[in-house]
Amino acid sequence: MKHQIYIILILFCLGSNLYSQTSPYPKDKNGNEIKPEWTPNDSKESSFGEDETLNPKSLDEKRLPKTTNFWVYGASIGSPASINFNLGYYWKDIVLRGSGGVWGPQWKGGQIDLGYTFWKTPVISHSFSIVGGYFEVNPFAPEVGRGGQSSYPTGVNIPGYNRRDPSQEDLFIRSYINSIDSNVATYLEYESRERQKVHLTQRYIGLTYDFLLGNFFLQLGGGIGQGDYRNPQLLLQMGYLFNTREYHD
């Protein structure tokens, strides 16, 4: 009987020890368990503060930029002046735009565009434009024939020296002048030399495709007109244009 009592006491002590070790709560210095305080509340309320309420306006459609009736302004590279300042207005389906610049007495140009927007969104505008422009350039020793030319004018307008590819008549005139005064012949030869800047001008009209994506602007087309370039010319502009697209209600 005594052995059974001892066994029961031993099992009770072991069980109490195991229970105290598996308790999930820590104990203070007096051996009491430290349990968090729990106060039941309404299930609709948050334990961390007031619940957020849905703003009905957050479901409204986001306002988008206007697709028309706005200004554009910026800069681009390409025709007509190599480096251009741009100013334009998109009015309904009509596009009015001007571009150009002046960088020297013989390096300048300007172009006017009248276009029709056939597809537009708050971000992209596609249009075709009829353009008219004028430019002057002075390249150094350009190659003959790139624009359909057979010859370039020289720096003097004197028979025998006014063409860069002299004919037999030109050579005869030069030989005659050289026999009279070699100094004058040397000066005229110098002014009509090939390795110098050439003043070229062109007036043109053309048709272009215009693409405005956000602030990126691209214009590509062709033009033909009167001047030193006889062949049709490529019209290309690419640049960055700011705009005044406001958000509509």
Protein backbone atom coordinates (compact mmCIF):
# COMPACT_ATOMS: atom_id res chain seq x y z
CA MET A 1 0.00 0.00 0.00
CA LYS A 2 2.82 2.37 0.86
CA HIS A 3 4.45 1.71 -2.49
CA GLN A 4 1.29 2.65 -4.32
CA ILE A 5 1.03 5.94 -2.38
CA TYR A 6 4.66 6.76 -3.20
CA ILE A 7 4.06 6.04 -6.90
CA ILE A 8 0.97 8.30 -6.95
CA LEU A 9 2.87 11.15 -5.25
CA ILE A 10 5.76 10.82 -7.69
CA LEU A 11 3.41 10.87 -10.72
CA PHE A 12 1.58 13.91 -9.32
CA CYS A 13 4.82 15.83 -8.83
CA LEU A 14 6.03 14.98 -12.32
CA GLY A 15 2.68 16.01 -13.84
CA SER A 16 2.71 19.33 -11.98
CA ASN A 17 6.27 20.01 -13.13
CA LEU A 18 5.44 19.22 -16.77
CA TYR A 19 2.33 21.42 -16.65
CA SER A 20 4.31 24.34 -15.26
CA GLN A 21 6.96 23.94 -17.98
CA THR A 22 4.45 23.82 -20.86
CA SER A 23 2.52 26.93 -19.78
CA PRO A 24 2.56 29.53 -22.63
CA TYR A 25 2.63 32.50 -20.23
CA PRO A 26 5.76 33.87 -18.53
CA LYS A 27 5.97 34.21 -14.76
CA ASP A 28 6.94 37.06 -12.48
CA LYS A 29 9.37 36.86 -9.57
CA ASN A 30 6.63 35.48 -7.32
CA GLY A 31 5.88 32.65 -9.74
CA ASN A 32 2.58 34.07 -10.93
CA GLU A 33 1.78 33.85 -14.62
CA ILE A 34 1.70 37.13 -16.55
CA LYS A 35 -1.37 37.06 -18.77
CA PRO A 36 -2.47 39.88 -21.15
CA GLU A 37 -5.59 41.76 -20.24
CA TRP A 38 -8.46 41.11 -22.61
CA THR A 39 -11.55 43.27 -22.77
CA PRO A 40 -14.27 42.06 -25.14
CA ASN A 41 -15.73 44.74 -27.41
CA ASP A 42 -18.04 45.08 -30.36
CA SER A 43 -16.82 42.98 -33.28
CA LYS A 44 -17.46 45.91 -35.65
CA GLU A 45 -14.86 48.05 -33.92
CA SER A 46 -11.14 47.73 -34.54
CA SER A 47 -8.80 47.03 -31.65
CA PHE A 48 -6.31 49.48 -33.15
CA GLY A 49 -8.64 52.46 -33.60
CA GLU A 50 -11.55 53.52 -35.69
CA ASP A 51 -12.24 51.56 -38.84
CA GLU A 52 -11.51 53.33 -42.13
CA THR A 53 -14.55 54.25 -44.14
CA LEU A 54 -14.65 54.11 -47.94
CA ASN A 55 -14.66 57.50 -49.62
CA PRO A 56 -17.39 57.44 -52.28
CA LYS A 57 -15.36 59.87 -54.45
CA SER A 58 -12.54 57.34 -54.73
CA LEU A 59 -14.69 55.32 -57.12
CA ASP A 60 -15.20 58.25 -59.47
CA GLU A 61 -13.52 58.12 -62.89
CA LYS A 62 -10.03 59.61 -62.88
CA ARG A 63 -9.80 62.89 -64.73
CA LEU A 64 -7.74 62.68 -67.94
CA PRO A 65 -5.88 65.39 -69.87
CA LYS A 66 -7.70 67.11 -72.69
CA THR A 67 -7.35 65.62 -76.15
CA THR A 68 -7.56 68.99 -77.93
CA ASN A 69 -7.55 72.77 -77.44
CA PHE A 70 -4.04 73.07 -76.00
CA TRP A 71 -0.72 74.73 -76.86
CA VAL A 72 2.60 73.02 -77.55
CA TYR A 73 6.01 74.67 -77.36
CA GLY A 74 9.57 73.42 -77.30
CA ALA A 75 12.56 72.63 -79.50
CA SER A 76 13.44 70.12 -82.19
CA ILE A 77 16.25 69.14 -84.52
CA GLY A 78 15.95 68.75 -88.27
CA SER A 79 14.37 70.79 -91.02
CA PRO A 80 14.08 73.66 -91.67
CA ALA A 81 16.84 75.29 -89.58
CA SER A 82 18.68 72.26 -88.14
CA ILE A 83 17.82 73.45 -84.62
CA ASN A 84 14.26 74.77 -84.32
CA PHE A 85 11.99 76.41 -81.81
CA ASN A 86 8.38 75.21 -82.06
CA LEU A 87 5.05 76.76 -81.20
CA GLY A 88 1.69 75.25 -82.09
CA TYR A 89 -1.94 74.91 -81.13
CA TYR A 90 -4.25 71.89 -81.34
CA TRP A 91 -7.78 73.18 -81.90
CA LYS A 92 -10.44 70.49 -82.24
CA ASP A 93 -9.16 68.44 -85.22
CA ILE A 94 -7.01 71.25 -86.65
CA VAL A 95 -3.30 71.69 -85.95
CA LEU A 96 -1.48 75.00 -86.46
CA ARG A 97 2.26 74.97 -85.88
CA GLY A 98 5.32 77.05 -86.68
CA SER A 99 8.99 76.14 -86.34
CA GLY A 100 12.37 77.57 -87.24
CA GLY A 101 15.41 79.47 -86.08
CA VAL A 102 18.13 81.94 -87.08
CA TRP A 103 21.72 80.93 -86.38
CA GLY A 104 23.61 83.14 -88.81
CA PRO A 105 23.26 85.35 -91.90
CA GLN A 106 23.28 82.25 -94.11
CA TRP A 107 21.98 79.67 -91.66
CA LYS A 108 18.29 80.07 -90.91
CA GLY A 109 14.87 78.73 -91.80
CA GLY A 110 11.19 78.66 -90.98
CA GLN A 111 8.20 76.42 -91.58
CA ILE A 112 4.41 76.73 -91.17
CA ASP A 113 2.21 73.63 -90.73
CA LEU A 114 -1.53 73.24 -91.24
CA GLY A 115 -2.65 69.80 -90.15
CA TYR A 116 -5.62 67.55 -89.48
CA THR A 117 -5.71 65.22 -86.47
CA PHE A 118 -7.24 61.92 -87.54
CA TRP A 119 -6.76 60.09 -84.22
CA LYS A 120 -6.19 61.44 -80.74
CA THR A 121 -6.26 60.33 -77.12
CA PRO A 122 -5.26 62.13 -73.91
CA VAL A 123 -1.69 60.92 -74.57
CA ILE A 124 -1.21 60.44 -78.35
CA SER A 125 -2.09 62.58 -81.37
CA HIS A 126 -1.68 61.50 -85.00
CA SER A 127 -2.07 64.02 -87.81
CA PHE A 128 -1.21 64.85 -91.40
CA SER A 129 0.02 68.34 -92.30
CA ILE A 130 0.56 70.48 -95.36
CA VAL A 131 3.75 72.44 -94.78
CA GLY A 132 5.50 75.35 -96.43
CA GLY A 133 8.95 76.62 -95.58
CA TYR A 134 12.18 78.30 -96.48
CA PHE A 135 15.77 77.71 -95.41
CA GLU A 136 19.30 78.91 -96.08
CA VAL A 137 22.43 76.91 -95.35
CA ASN A 138 26.13 77.37 -96.03
CA PRO A 139 27.81 73.94 -95.96
CA PHE A 140 31.55 73.64 -96.46
CA ALA A 141 32.60 72.06 -99.77
CA PRO A 142 29.42 70.03 -100.33
CA GLU A 143 29.42 67.22 -102.84
CA VAL A 144 27.70 67.99 -106.12
CA GLY A 145 24.68 65.89 -107.00
CA ARG A 146 23.30 65.07 -103.56
CA GLY A 147 20.32 67.32 -104.14
CA GLY A 148 20.04 66.85 -107.89
CA GLN A 149 22.42 69.70 -108.71
CA SER A 150 24.85 69.58 -111.60
CA SER A 151 26.97 72.37 -110.13
CA TYR A 152 27.16 74.79 -107.21
CA PRO A 153 27.57 78.56 -107.56
CA THR A 154 30.92 80.05 -106.61
CA GLY A 155 31.74 83.13 -104.61
CA VAL A 156 31.95 85.36 -107.72
CA ASN A 157 29.45 85.97 -110.48
CA ILE A 158 31.93 86.50 -113.31
CA PRO A 159 31.83 84.50 -116.55
CA GLY A 160 34.46 81.80 -116.46
CA TYR A 161 34.53 81.66 -112.64
CA ASN A 162 30.88 81.28 -111.64
CA ARG A 163 30.79 77.46 -111.87
CA ARG A 164 32.72 74.93 -109.81
CA ASP A 165 32.94 72.48 -112.71
CA PRO A 166 34.40 74.73 -115.47
CA SER A 167 33.51 74.05 -119.07
CA GLN A 168 35.81 74.50 -122.06
CA GLU A 169 34.57 78.08 -122.44
CA ASP A 170 35.29 78.77 -118.76
CA LEU A 171 38.83 77.44 -119.09
CA PHE A 172 39.40 79.59 -122.17
CA ILE A 173 38.22 82.71 -120.31
CA ARG A 174 40.44 81.91 -117.32
CA SER A 175 43.45 81.40 -119.55
CA TYR A 176 42.79 84.71 -121.28
CA ILE A 177 42.47 86.63 -117.98
CA ASN A 178 45.64 84.99 -116.67
CA SER A 179 47.53 86.13 -119.76
CA ILE A 180 46.43 89.72 -119.12
CA ASP A 181 46.88 89.92 -115.32
CA SER A 182 48.01 86.92 -113.30
CA ASN A 183 47.13 88.62 -109.99
CA VAL A 184 43.49 89.08 -111.01
CA ALA A 185 43.38 85.50 -112.29
CA THR A 186 44.79 84.23 -108.97
CA TYR A 187 42.17 86.17 -106.97
CA LEU A 188 39.31 84.88 -109.11
CA GLU A 189 40.63 81.33 -108.87
CA TYR A 190 40.73 81.68 -105.09
CA GLU A 191 37.15 82.96 -104.88
CA SER A 192 35.88 80.15 -107.10
CA ARG A 193 37.73 77.35 -105.32
CA GLU A 194 35.87 74.21 -104.29
CA ARG A 195 36.91 74.00 -100.62
CA GLN A 196 34.81 76.81 -99.23
CA LYS A 197 31.33 77.38 -97.87
CA VAL A 198 28.47 77.43 -100.33
CA HIS A 199 25.33 79.52 -99.80
CA LEU A 200 22.26 77.42 -100.67
CA THR A 201 18.60 78.38 -100.41
CA GLN A 202 15.33 76.55 -100.89
CA ARG A 203 11.60 77.34 -100.79
CA TYR A 204 9.38 74.30 -100.52
CA ILE A 205 5.95 72.87 -99.85
CA GLY A 206 5.33 69.35 -98.66
CA LEU A 207 3.24 66.78 -96.84
CA THR A 208 4.17 65.31 -93.45
CA TYR A 209 2.94 62.84 -90.86
CA ASP A 210 3.04 64.22 -87.31
CA PHE A 211 3.20 62.15 -84.14
CA LEU A 212 2.86 63.60 -80.63
CA LEU A 213 3.32 61.10 -77.79
CA GLY A 214 3.18 62.92 -74.47
CA ASN A 215 5.99 65.42 -74.94
CA PHE A 216 7.83 63.58 -77.71
CA PHE A 217 7.26 65.04 -81.18
CA LEU A 218 8.11 63.47 -84.54
CA GLN A 219 7.45 64.84 -88.02
CA LEU A 220 8.33 62.92 -91.17
CA GLY A 221 7.54 63.71 -94.78
CA GLY A 222 8.79 65.13 -98.05
CA GLY A 223 8.84 68.45 -99.84
CA ILE A 224 9.69 69.97 -103.19
CA GLY A 225 10.17 73.53 -104.36
CA GLN A 226 12.43 76.11 -105.93
CA GLY A 227 16.03 76.76 -105.07
CA ASP A 228 19.40 75.07 -105.17
CA TYR A 229 17.95 71.62 -104.39
CA ARG A 230 16.26 70.17 -107.45
CA ASN A 231 15.31 66.79 -106.02
CA PRO A 232 12.50 66.28 -103.48
CA GLN A 233 13.81 66.83 -99.97
CA LEU A 234 13.27 64.80 -96.81
CA LEU A 235 11.46 66.77 -94.10
CA LEU A 236 12.25 65.49 -90.63
CA GLN A 237 11.81 66.98 -87.17
CA MET A 238 12.25 65.30 -83.81
CA GLY A 239 12.09 67.05 -80.48
CA TYR A 240 10.53 67.65 -77.08
CA LEU A 241 7.40 69.79 -76.82
CA PHE A 242 5.78 70.96 -73.61
CA ASN A 243 1.99 71.26 -73.65
CA THR A 244 -0.83 72.95 -71.77
CA ARG A 245 -3.12 69.93 -71.55
CA GLU A 246 -5.36 70.68 -68.58
CA TYR A 247 -7.47 68.09 -66.82
CA HIS A 248 -11.10 68.27 -67.87
CA ASP A 249 -13.96 67.89 -65.43
